[in-house]
Each structure stands twice: as C-alpha cells, then as structure tokens.
C-alpha atoms as a PDB file:
ATOM      1  CA  MET A   1     -23.898 -18.193  -2.553  1.00  0.00           C
ATOM      2  CA  GLU A   2     -20.238 -17.250  -2.173  1.00  0.00           C
ATOM      3  CA  LEU A   3     -18.993 -14.448  -4.449  1.00  0.00           C
ATOM      4  CA  LEU A   4     -15.430 -14.232  -3.182  1.00  0.00           C
ATOM      5  CA  LYS A   5     -13.243 -16.494  -1.065  1.00  0.00           C
ATOM      6  CA  CYS A   6      -9.806 -15.570   0.291  1.00  0.00           C
ATOM      7  CA  ASN A   7      -7.636 -18.433   1.470  1.00  0.00           C
ATOM      8  CA  ASP A   8      -4.749 -17.815   3.907  1.00  0.00           C
ATOM      9  CA  LEU A   9      -3.552 -14.631   2.209  1.00  0.00           C
ATOM     10  CA  SER A  10      -0.202 -13.060   2.942  1.00  0.00           C
ATOM     11  CA  LEU A  11       0.011  -9.454   1.757  1.00  0.00           C
ATOM     12  CA  GLY A  12       2.905  -7.120   1.208  1.00  0.00           C
ATOM     13  CA  TYR A  13       5.403  -5.551  -1.159  1.00  0.00           C
ATOM     14  CA  GLU A  14       8.658  -6.824  -2.665  1.00  0.00           C
ATOM     15  CA  GLY A  15       8.502  -9.980  -0.569  1.00  0.00           C
ATOM     16  CA  LYS A  16       7.996  -8.117   2.714  1.00  0.00           C
ATOM     17  CA  SER A  17       4.807  -9.138   4.473  1.00  0.00           C
ATOM     18  CA  VAL A  18       2.506  -6.608   6.159  1.00  0.00           C
ATOM     19  CA  ALA A  19      -0.389  -8.977   6.930  1.00  0.00           C
ATOM     20  CA  GLU A  20      -0.693 -12.762   7.046  1.00  0.00           C
ATOM     21  CA  HIS A  21      -3.172 -15.604   7.502  1.00  0.00           C
ATOM     22  CA  ILE A  22      -6.175 -13.696   6.153  1.00  0.00           C
ATOM     23  CA  SER A  23      -9.081 -15.986   5.305  1.00  0.00           C
ATOM     24  CA  PHE A  24     -12.682 -14.925   4.732  1.00  0.00           C
ATOM     25  CA  THR A  25     -15.625 -15.341   2.413  1.00  0.00           C
ATOM     26  CA  VAL A  26     -18.054 -12.831   0.949  1.00  0.00           C
ATOM     27  CA  SER A  27     -21.486 -14.220   0.090  1.00  0.00           C
ATOM     28  CA  GLU A  28     -24.331 -12.615  -1.818  1.00  0.00           C
ATOM     29  CA  GLY A  29     -26.080 -10.028   0.351  1.00  0.00           C
ATOM     30  CA  ASP A  30     -23.269  -9.729   2.904  1.00  0.00           C
ATOM     31  CA  TYR A  31     -22.228  -6.421   4.429  1.00  0.00           C
ATOM     32  CA  LEU A  32     -18.607  -7.095   5.362  1.00  0.00           C
ATOM     33  CA  CYS A  33     -16.709  -4.406   7.250  1.00  0.00           C
ATOM     34  CA  ILE A  34     -12.908  -4.406   7.357  1.00  0.00           C
ATOM     35  CA  VAL A  35     -11.380  -2.778  10.431  1.00  0.00           C
ATOM     36  CA  GLY A  36      -7.950  -2.487  11.989  1.00  0.00           C
ATOM     37  CA  GLU A  37      -5.350  -0.005  13.120  1.00  0.00           C
ATOM     38  CA  ASN A  38      -3.436   2.203  10.698  1.00  0.00           C
ATOM     39  CA  GLY A  39      -0.624   0.259   9.066  1.00  0.00           C
ATOM     40  CA  SER A  40      -2.198  -3.122   9.730  1.00  0.00           C
ATOM     41  CA  GLY A  41      -2.598  -3.924   6.027  1.00  0.00           C
ATOM     42  CA  LYS A  42      -6.133  -2.779   5.150  1.00  0.00           C
ATOM     43  CA  SER A  43      -5.036  -0.677   2.170  1.00  0.00           C
ATOM     44  CA  THR A  44      -2.844  -3.499   0.912  1.00  0.00           C
ATOM     45  CA  LEU A  45      -5.802  -5.876   1.183  1.00  0.00           C
ATOM     46  CA  VAL A  46      -7.959  -3.467  -0.833  1.00  0.00           C
ATOM     47  CA  LYS A  47      -5.343  -3.339  -3.624  1.00  0.00           C
ATOM     48  CA  THR A  48      -5.083  -7.120  -3.596  1.00  0.00           C
ATOM     49  CA  LEU A  49      -8.850  -7.631  -3.816  1.00  0.00           C
ATOM     50  CA  LEU A  50      -8.967  -5.210  -6.763  1.00  0.00           C
ATOM     51  CA  GLY A  51      -6.209  -7.130  -8.539  1.00  0.00           C
ATOM     52  CA  LEU A  52      -3.787  -4.213  -8.401  1.00  0.00           C
ATOM     53  CA  GLN A  53      -1.143  -6.381  -6.754  1.00  0.00           C
ATOM     54  CA  PRO A  54      -0.824 -10.131  -6.188  1.00  0.00           C
ATOM     55  CA  PRO A  55      -0.789 -11.719  -2.740  1.00  0.00           C
ATOM     56  CA  LEU A  56       2.550 -12.977  -1.477  1.00  0.00           C
ATOM     57  CA  ALA A  57       0.857 -16.264  -0.653  1.00  0.00           C
ATOM     58  CA  GLY A  58      -2.620 -17.758  -0.591  1.00  0.00           C
ATOM     59  CA  SER A  59      -5.383 -17.399  -3.158  1.00  0.00           C
ATOM     60  CA  ILE A  60      -8.505 -15.426  -4.056  1.00  0.00           C
ATOM     61  CA  GLU A  61     -11.356 -17.368  -5.658  1.00  0.00           C
ATOM     62  CA  LYS A  62     -14.120 -15.607  -7.578  1.00  0.00           C
ATOM     63  CA  SER A  63     -17.469 -17.289  -8.115  1.00  0.00           C
ATOM     64  CA  GLU A  64     -18.899 -17.988 -11.557  1.00  0.00           C
ATOM     65  CA  THR A  65     -21.543 -15.355 -10.807  1.00  0.00           C
ATOM     66  CA  LEU A  66     -18.855 -12.708 -10.304  1.00  0.00           C
ATOM     67  CA  LYS A  67     -16.876 -13.908 -13.325  1.00  0.00           C
ATOM     68  CA  LYS A  68     -19.949 -13.640 -15.551  1.00  0.00           C
ATOM     69  CA  ALA A  69     -20.269 -10.006 -14.455  1.00  0.00           C
ATOM     70  CA  GLY A  70     -16.739  -9.449 -15.745  1.00  0.00           C
ATOM     71  CA  GLY A  71     -15.096 -10.278 -12.426  1.00  0.00           C
ATOM     72  CA  VAL A  72     -15.150  -6.571 -11.622  1.00  0.00           C
ATOM     73  CA  ILE A  73     -15.608  -5.208  -8.118  1.00  0.00           C
ATOM     74  CA  GLY A  74     -17.183  -1.742  -8.060  1.00  0.00           C
ATOM     75  CA  TYR A  75     -14.772   0.482  -6.151  1.00  0.00           C
ATOM     76  CA  LEU A  76     -15.354   3.696  -4.215  1.00  0.00           C
ATOM     77  CA  PRO A  77     -11.866   4.934  -3.217  1.00  0.00           C
ATOM     78  CA  GLN A  78     -10.800   7.354  -0.568  1.00  0.00           C
ATOM     79  CA  GLN A  79     -10.784  10.760  -2.221  1.00  0.00           C
ATOM     80  CA  THR A  80      -7.634  12.814  -2.700  1.00  0.00           C
ATOM     81  CA  PRO A  81      -7.485  16.576  -3.360  1.00  0.00           C
ATOM     82  CA  VAL A  82      -6.629  15.836  -7.018  1.00  0.00           C
ATOM     83  CA  GLN A  83      -9.699  13.625  -7.415  1.00  0.00           C
ATOM     84  CA  ARG A  84     -11.962  16.218  -5.828  1.00  0.00           C
ATOM     85  CA  ASP A  85     -10.798  18.777  -8.401  1.00  0.00           C
ATOM     86  CA  PHE A  86     -11.334  16.556 -11.454  1.00  0.00           C
ATOM     87  CA  PRO A  87     -12.586  18.680 -14.416  1.00  0.00           C
ATOM     88  CA  ALA A  88     -15.388  16.529 -15.879  1.00  0.00           C
ATOM     89  CA  THR A  89     -19.157  16.519 -15.746  1.00  0.00           C
ATOM     90  CA  VAL A  90     -21.083  14.294 -13.367  1.00  0.00           C
ATOM     91  CA  GLU A  91     -22.500  12.325 -16.294  1.00  0.00           C
ATOM     92  CA  GLU A  92     -19.028  11.721 -17.748  1.00  0.00           C
ATOM     93  CA  ILE A  93     -17.659  10.441 -14.455  1.00  0.00           C
ATOM     94  CA  VAL A  94     -20.643   8.178 -13.801  1.00  0.00           C
ATOM     95  CA  CYS A  95     -20.456   6.649 -17.290  1.00  0.00           C
ATOM     96  CA  SER A  96     -16.738   5.976 -16.882  1.00  0.00           C
ATOM     97  CA  GLY A  97     -17.813   3.113 -14.646  1.00  0.00           C
ATOM     98  CA  PHE A  98     -18.424   1.115 -17.835  1.00  0.00           C
ATOM     99  CA  LEU A  99     -14.809   1.404 -18.997  1.00  0.00           C
ATOM    100  CA  ALA A 100     -13.589  -1.742 -17.234  1.00  0.00           C
ATOM    101  CA  ARG A 101     -16.096  -3.809 -19.193  1.00  0.00           C
ATOM    102  CA  SER A 102     -16.304  -1.966 -22.522  1.00  0.00           C
ATOM    103  CA  GLY A 103     -12.675  -2.451 -23.542  1.00  0.00           C
ATOM    104  CA  LEU A 104     -11.477  -0.141 -26.306  1.00  0.00           C
ATOM    105  CA  ARG A 105     -14.965   0.740 -27.544  1.00  0.00           C
ATOM    106  CA  PRO A 106     -14.931   4.588 -27.853  1.00  0.00           C
ATOM    107  CA  PHE A 107     -18.620   5.126 -27.099  1.00  0.00           C
ATOM    108  CA  TYR A 108     -21.385   4.137 -24.711  1.00  0.00           C
ATOM    109  CA  THR A 109     -24.341   2.147 -25.988  1.00  0.00           C
ATOM    110  CA  ARG A 110     -27.928   3.284 -25.630  1.00  0.00           C
ATOM    111  CA  ALA A 111     -28.469   0.599 -22.983  1.00  0.00           C
ATOM    112  CA  GLU A 112     -25.436   1.822 -21.011  1.00  0.00           C
ATOM    113  CA  LYS A 113     -26.624   5.421 -21.134  1.00  0.00           C
ATOM    114  CA  GLN A 114     -30.051   4.320 -19.901  1.00  0.00           C
ATOM    115  CA  LEU A 115     -28.502   2.334 -17.048  1.00  0.00           C
ATOM    116  CA  ALA A 116     -26.346   5.334 -16.099  1.00  0.00           C
ATOM    117  CA  ALA A 117     -29.477   7.500 -16.018  1.00  0.00           C
ATOM    118  CA  GLU A 118     -31.180   4.960 -13.751  1.00  0.00           C
ATOM    119  CA  LYS A 119     -28.262   4.895 -11.306  1.00  0.00           C
ATOM    120  CA  MET A 120     -28.095   8.690 -11.175  1.00  0.00           C
ATOM    121  CA  GLU A 121     -31.824   8.796 -10.473  1.00  0.00           C
ATOM    122  CA  ARG A 122     -31.461   6.112  -7.781  1.00  0.00           C
ATOM    123  CA  LEU A 123     -28.756   8.130  -6.038  1.00  0.00           C
ATOM    124  CA  GLY A 124     -30.548  11.457  -6.386  1.00  0.00           C
ATOM    125  CA  ILE A 125     -28.016  13.170  -8.641  1.00  0.00           C
ATOM    126  CA  THR A 126     -29.897  13.414 -11.961  1.00  0.00           C
ATOM    127  CA  HIS A 127     -30.242  17.178 -11.562  1.00  0.00           C
ATOM    128  CA  LEU A 128     -26.447  17.431 -11.301  1.00  0.00           C
ATOM    129  CA  LYS A 129     -25.531  15.441 -14.421  1.00  0.00           C
ATOM    130  CA  LYS A 130     -24.313  18.443 -16.445  1.00  0.00           C
ATOM    131  CA  ARG A 131     -22.535  20.074 -13.511  1.00  0.00           C
ATOM    132  CA  CYS A 132     -18.764  20.004 -13.219  1.00  0.00           C
ATOM    133  CA  TYR A 133     -17.726  17.430 -10.628  1.00  0.00           C
ATOM    134  CA  ARG A 134     -15.292  19.750  -8.855  1.00  0.00           C
ATOM    135  CA  GLU A 135     -18.087  22.256  -8.163  1.00  0.00           C
ATOM    136  CA  LEU A 136     -20.024  19.752  -6.027  1.00  0.00           C
ATOM    137  CA  SER A 137     -20.051  19.294  -2.271  1.00  0.00           C
ATOM    138  CA  GLY A 138     -18.227  16.369  -0.706  1.00  0.00           C
ATOM    139  CA  GLY A 139     -21.443  14.432  -0.201  1.00  0.00           C
ATOM    140  CA  GLN A 140     -22.554  14.994  -3.792  1.00  0.00           C
ATOM    141  CA  GLN A 141     -19.151  13.880  -5.075  1.00  0.00           C
ATOM    142  CA  GLN A 142     -19.402  10.648  -3.095  1.00  0.00           C
ATOM    143  CA  ARG A 143     -22.822   9.923  -4.616  1.00  0.00           C
ATOM    144  CA  VAL A 144     -21.344  10.454  -8.073  1.00  0.00           C
ATOM    145  CA  LEU A 145     -18.504   8.031  -7.359  1.00  0.00           C
ATOM    146  CA  LEU A 146     -20.934   5.550  -5.859  1.00  0.00           C
ATOM    147  CA  ALA A 147     -23.053   5.663  -9.035  1.00  0.00           C
ATOM    148  CA  ARG A 148     -19.867   5.091 -11.048  1.00  0.00           C
ATOM    149  CA  ALA A 149     -18.966   2.081  -8.895  1.00  0.00           C
ATOM    150  CA  LEU A 150     -22.444   0.603  -9.355  1.00  0.00           C
ATOM    151  CA  LEU A 151     -22.029   0.733 -13.138  1.00  0.00           C
ATOM    152  CA  ALA A 152     -18.712  -1.115 -12.896  1.00  0.00           C
ATOM    153  CA  THR A 153     -20.272  -4.152 -11.235  1.00  0.00           C
ATOM    154  CA  GLY A 154     -23.465  -6.090 -11.112  1.00  0.00           C
ATOM    155  CA  ASN A 155     -23.372  -7.146  -7.505  1.00  0.00           C
ATOM    156  CA  LEU A 156     -20.293  -6.301  -5.396  1.00  0.00           C
ATOM    157  CA  LEU A 157     -19.057  -2.942  -4.068  1.00  0.00           C
ATOM    158  CA  LEU A 158     -15.808  -2.207  -2.231  1.00  0.00           C
ATOM    159  CA  LEU A 159     -16.026   1.078  -0.308  1.00  0.00           C
ATOM    160  CA  ASP A 160     -12.854   2.519   1.207  1.00  0.00           C
ATOM    161  CA  GLU A 161     -13.725   4.945   4.040  1.00  0.00           C
ATOM    162  CA  PRO A 162     -16.798   6.231   2.135  1.00  0.00           C
ATOM    163  CA  VAL A 163     -17.678   8.969   4.659  1.00  0.00           C
ATOM    164  CA  ALA A 164     -14.191  10.350   5.331  1.00  0.00           C
ATOM    165  CA  GLY A 165     -14.323  14.139   5.552  1.00  0.00           C
ATOM    166  CA  LEU A 166     -18.119  14.389   5.408  1.00  0.00           C
ATOM    167  CA  ASP A 167     -20.166  16.283   7.999  1.00  0.00           C
ATOM    168  CA  PRO A 168     -22.410  14.289  10.404  1.00  0.00           C
ATOM    169  CA  LYS A 169     -25.650  14.850   8.466  1.00  0.00           C
ATOM    170  CA  VAL A 170     -24.159  13.819   5.127  1.00  0.00           C
ATOM    171  CA  THR A 171     -22.382  10.906   6.815  1.00  0.00           C
ATOM    172  CA  SER A 172     -25.687   9.584   8.140  1.00  0.00           C
ATOM    173  CA  GLU A 173     -27.310   9.987   4.711  1.00  0.00           C
ATOM    174  CA  MET A 174     -24.456   8.125   3.017  1.00  0.00           C
ATOM    175  CA  TYR A 175     -24.651   5.240   5.482  1.00  0.00           C
ATOM    176  CA  GLU A 176     -28.409   4.975   4.965  1.00  0.00           C
ATOM    177  CA  LEU A 177     -27.914   4.958   1.198  1.00  0.00           C
ATOM    178  CA  ILE A 178     -25.311   2.180   1.408  1.00  0.00           C
ATOM    179  CA  ARG A 179     -27.554   0.147   3.705  1.00  0.00           C
ATOM    180  CA  ALA A 180     -30.478   0.597   1.296  1.00  0.00           C
ATOM    181  CA  LEU A 181     -28.351  -0.652  -1.603  1.00  0.00           C
ATOM    182  CA  ASN A 182     -27.385  -3.670   0.477  1.00  0.00           C
ATOM    183  CA  ARG A 183     -31.037  -4.415   1.195  1.00  0.00           C
ATOM    184  CA  GLU A 184     -31.704  -4.188  -2.553  1.00  0.00           C
ATOM    185  CA  GLY A 185     -29.243  -7.017  -3.160  1.00  0.00           C
ATOM    186  CA  ILE A 186     -25.858  -5.305  -3.554  1.00  0.00           C
ATOM    187  CA  THR A 187     -23.104  -7.025  -1.596  1.00  0.00           C
ATOM    188  CA  ILE A 188     -20.946  -4.570   0.357  1.00  0.00           C
ATOM    189  CA  ILE A 189     -17.328  -4.655   1.515  1.00  0.00           C
ATOM    190  CA  MET A 190     -16.549  -1.495   3.495  1.00  0.00           C
ATOM    191  CA  VAL A 191     -13.268  -0.390   5.055  1.00  0.00           C
ATOM    192  CA  SER A 192     -13.992   1.816   8.051  1.00  0.00           C
ATOM    193  CA  HIS A 193     -12.653   3.238  11.305  1.00  0.00           C
ATOM    194  CA  ASP A 194     -16.177   4.090  12.448  1.00  0.00           C
ATOM    195  CA  ILE A 195     -16.881   1.303  14.934  1.00  0.00           C
ATOM    196  CA  ALA A 196     -20.419   2.549  15.630  1.00  0.00           C
ATOM    197  CA  ALA A 197     -21.346   2.228  11.962  1.00  0.00           C
ATOM    198  CA  VAL A 198     -19.528  -1.074  11.660  1.00  0.00           C
ATOM    199  CA  LEU A 199     -21.504  -2.643  14.488  1.00  0.00           C
ATOM    200  CA  ALA A 200     -24.787  -1.127  13.312  1.00  0.00           C
ATOM    201  CA  PHE A 201     -24.614  -2.236   9.679  1.00  0.00           C
ATOM    202  CA  ALA A 202     -22.189  -5.150   9.247  1.00  0.00           C
ATOM    203  CA  THR A 203     -23.245  -8.759   8.922  1.00  0.00           C
ATOM    204  CA  HIS A 204     -19.601  -9.852   9.122  1.00  0.00           C
ATOM    205  CA  ILE A 205     -16.351  -8.249  10.258  1.00  0.00           C
ATOM    206  CA  LEU A 206     -12.759  -8.796   9.208  1.00  0.00           C
ATOM    207  CA  HIS A 207     -10.295  -7.336  11.717  1.00  0.00           C
ATOM    208  CA  VAL A 208      -6.848  -7.088  10.145  1.00  0.00           C
ATOM    209  CA  LEU A 209      -4.002  -7.293  12.637  1.00  0.00           C
ATOM    210  CA  HIS A 210      -0.253  -7.060  12.314  1.00  0.00           C
ATOM    211  CA  GLY A 211       0.539 -10.629  11.324  1.00  0.00           C
ATOM    212  CA  SER A 212      -2.933 -12.190  11.533  1.00  0.00           C
ATOM    213  CA  ALA A 213      -6.660 -11.508  11.191  1.00  0.00           C
ATOM    214  CA  TRP A 214     -10.006 -12.212  12.878  1.00  0.00           C
ATOM    215  CA  TYR A 215     -13.114 -12.975  10.813  1.00  0.00           C
ATOM    216  CA  GLY A 216     -16.662 -13.757  11.872  1.00  0.00           C
ATOM    217  CA  THR A 217     -20.175 -12.416  12.294  1.00  0.00           C
ATOM    218  CA  ALA A 218     -20.815  -9.007  13.805  1.00  0.00           C
ATOM    219  CA  GLN A 219     -22.407 -10.628  16.850  1.00  0.00           C
ATOM    220  CA  ALA A 220     -19.393 -12.886  17.403  1.00  0.00           C
ATOM    221  CA  TYR A 221     -17.142  -9.836  17.101  1.00  0.00           C
ATOM    222  CA  ARG A 222     -19.131  -8.028  19.785  1.00  0.00           C
ATOM    223  CA  GLU A 223     -18.501 -10.919  22.145  1.00  0.00           C
ATOM    224  CA  SER A 224     -14.840 -11.503  21.240  1.00  0.00           C
ATOM    225  CA  ASP A 225     -11.867 -10.250  23.207  1.00  0.00           C
ATOM    226  CA  ILE A 226     -10.499  -8.441  20.164  1.00  0.00           C
ATOM    227  CA  GLY A 227     -13.829  -6.735  19.528  1.00  0.00           C
ATOM    228  CA  LYS A 228     -14.119  -5.549  23.099  1.00  0.00           C
ATOM    229  CA  THR A 229     -10.534  -4.302  23.099  1.00  0.00           C
ATOM    230  CA  PHE A 230     -10.826  -2.483  19.789  1.00  0.00           C
ATOM    231  CA  ALA A 231     -13.998  -0.692  20.864  1.00  0.00           C
ATOM    232  CA  GLY A 232     -12.485   0.243  24.194  1.00  0.00           C
ATOM    233  CA  GLY A 233     -14.789  -1.826  26.351  1.00  0.00           C
ATOM    234  CA  GLU A 234     -18.070  -3.698  26.334  1.00  0.00           C
ATOM    235  CA  GLN A 235     -20.278  -0.607  26.043  1.00  0.00           C
ATOM    236  CA  TRP A 236     -20.827  -0.342  22.327  1.00  0.00           C
ATOM    237  CA  PRO A 237     -21.453   3.028  20.635  1.00  0.00           C
ATOM    238  CA  THR A 238     -25.077   3.674  19.660  1.00  0.00           C
ATOM    239  CA  SER A 239     -24.748   6.499  17.128  1.00  0.00           C
ATOM    240  CA  TYR A 240     -26.461   4.351  14.505  1.00  0.00           C
ATOM    241  CA  GLN A 241     -29.396   2.069  15.067  1.00  0.00           C
ATOM    242  CA  LEU A 242     -30.245  -1.148  13.269  1.00  0.00           C
END
C-alpha cells in the first residue's frame, strides 16, 4: 500500500528551481534511500516532504493510512552543534515526539508515557532516561532522536544522514538498528552519501540530479548508467552485507 506519492515535483526557493521532475512513491515496508551530489536538492526535498516549504510545482499525496496517523513523518535531522548541546533529559526529548500530535495539551497522557518507555527500551536507552542529553555520546544521542522520531509517527521515518560523525562501530550498530525497525514494519526514507549502505539496505533509490531525478529499485540502480557512474564503476562496495 502506498503511503506517499510525489508527482513531478519542482523544488526551490523564491521561484528559483534547484531540482525538477521528481516523481516517486513510498509504500509500506519500503526502505527508500535518497542520494545525489551536494547542492542537487536533497535538503530541499527533505523540507518539502516535511511540509516546511511548498513545491514550486507538482504534488505530494498522502495515503489515508498516513493521514489517520496525523499525517506526520517521524524525522531524524542532521545534528548541529547547538542540538548536541541541548540542556534537557533524555526522557524529555523522547517525549517531545508527541508534540506534533498533542496540540496545546500541556501534559503527556499515561498511554503516551508508556509508549515512550517502550520506545526507549526498544532502542536500548532506558538506563539513560534521566541523563542530560548533552552528556551523551554521539551514538547515544542519535538513539534518543530516533526514539523521538518513532513517537512522532506510526509508520514512516525520514532520516537525514543518520550516521554522520559517528565512528565505524557505532555507524554499523545504527544501520543494523534502522534495518531491524524496517523489518518490524517501519517504512524508511534515508538521505545518505554512504553508497555501500545504500546498496546493502535500500529496496528503492531516488537519485536527485541537477534538473532531474532517477527512481527505481536498488537492483535497477545497480545496473543503470547513473548508478555505475555515481559509485565509480561496476565494482560495488561490500562494507555492509544483506
């Protein structure tokens, strides 16, 4: 079942286009990876999918399933130094994932607190819940933000470079965690420059170009001219195994 459908999007600012002719669908259970060179429009696409800016042209259709979940896409952003130094407890940050759906209600319900506890347990951060977020390691902070994103949505996560700045061991653990969530039924959209991870985990790939885009299955991407060119040849990296 389709959750999200983008039809011939043109993206940009103040009438100036940075990417055009972007069409793709995201179905339940997909693991879609978005790739492309710096400046090709990936960040603009992320903002458009999150509803932070409208497309210059084209449309984005959300399924009834997504609308019933509040139409919210759980978002794990690229971290900035300011975000890493945020002075709040782990539990407070995780629970803030409910804010998009709770409106002006100044408290969390018992059911919400229980769900937050379940997500923290699932991501292995229960023992950190009273710790200050800025005291945590980079990998721990990403797990906190991932738990927050899971509370914001019932079924769709958008991850923007989720392993940026993490060491190799923590990077591998984060990828395995994301893949496990996908296998449990969470649909994933991930922006990444890590072509080895993209080809290991993705079911579909959207390659954003300057002025156009390529979309298809991971296998079709492997065999395409653009896929071969972007990876630097036909010998694919094998850092991650299916």
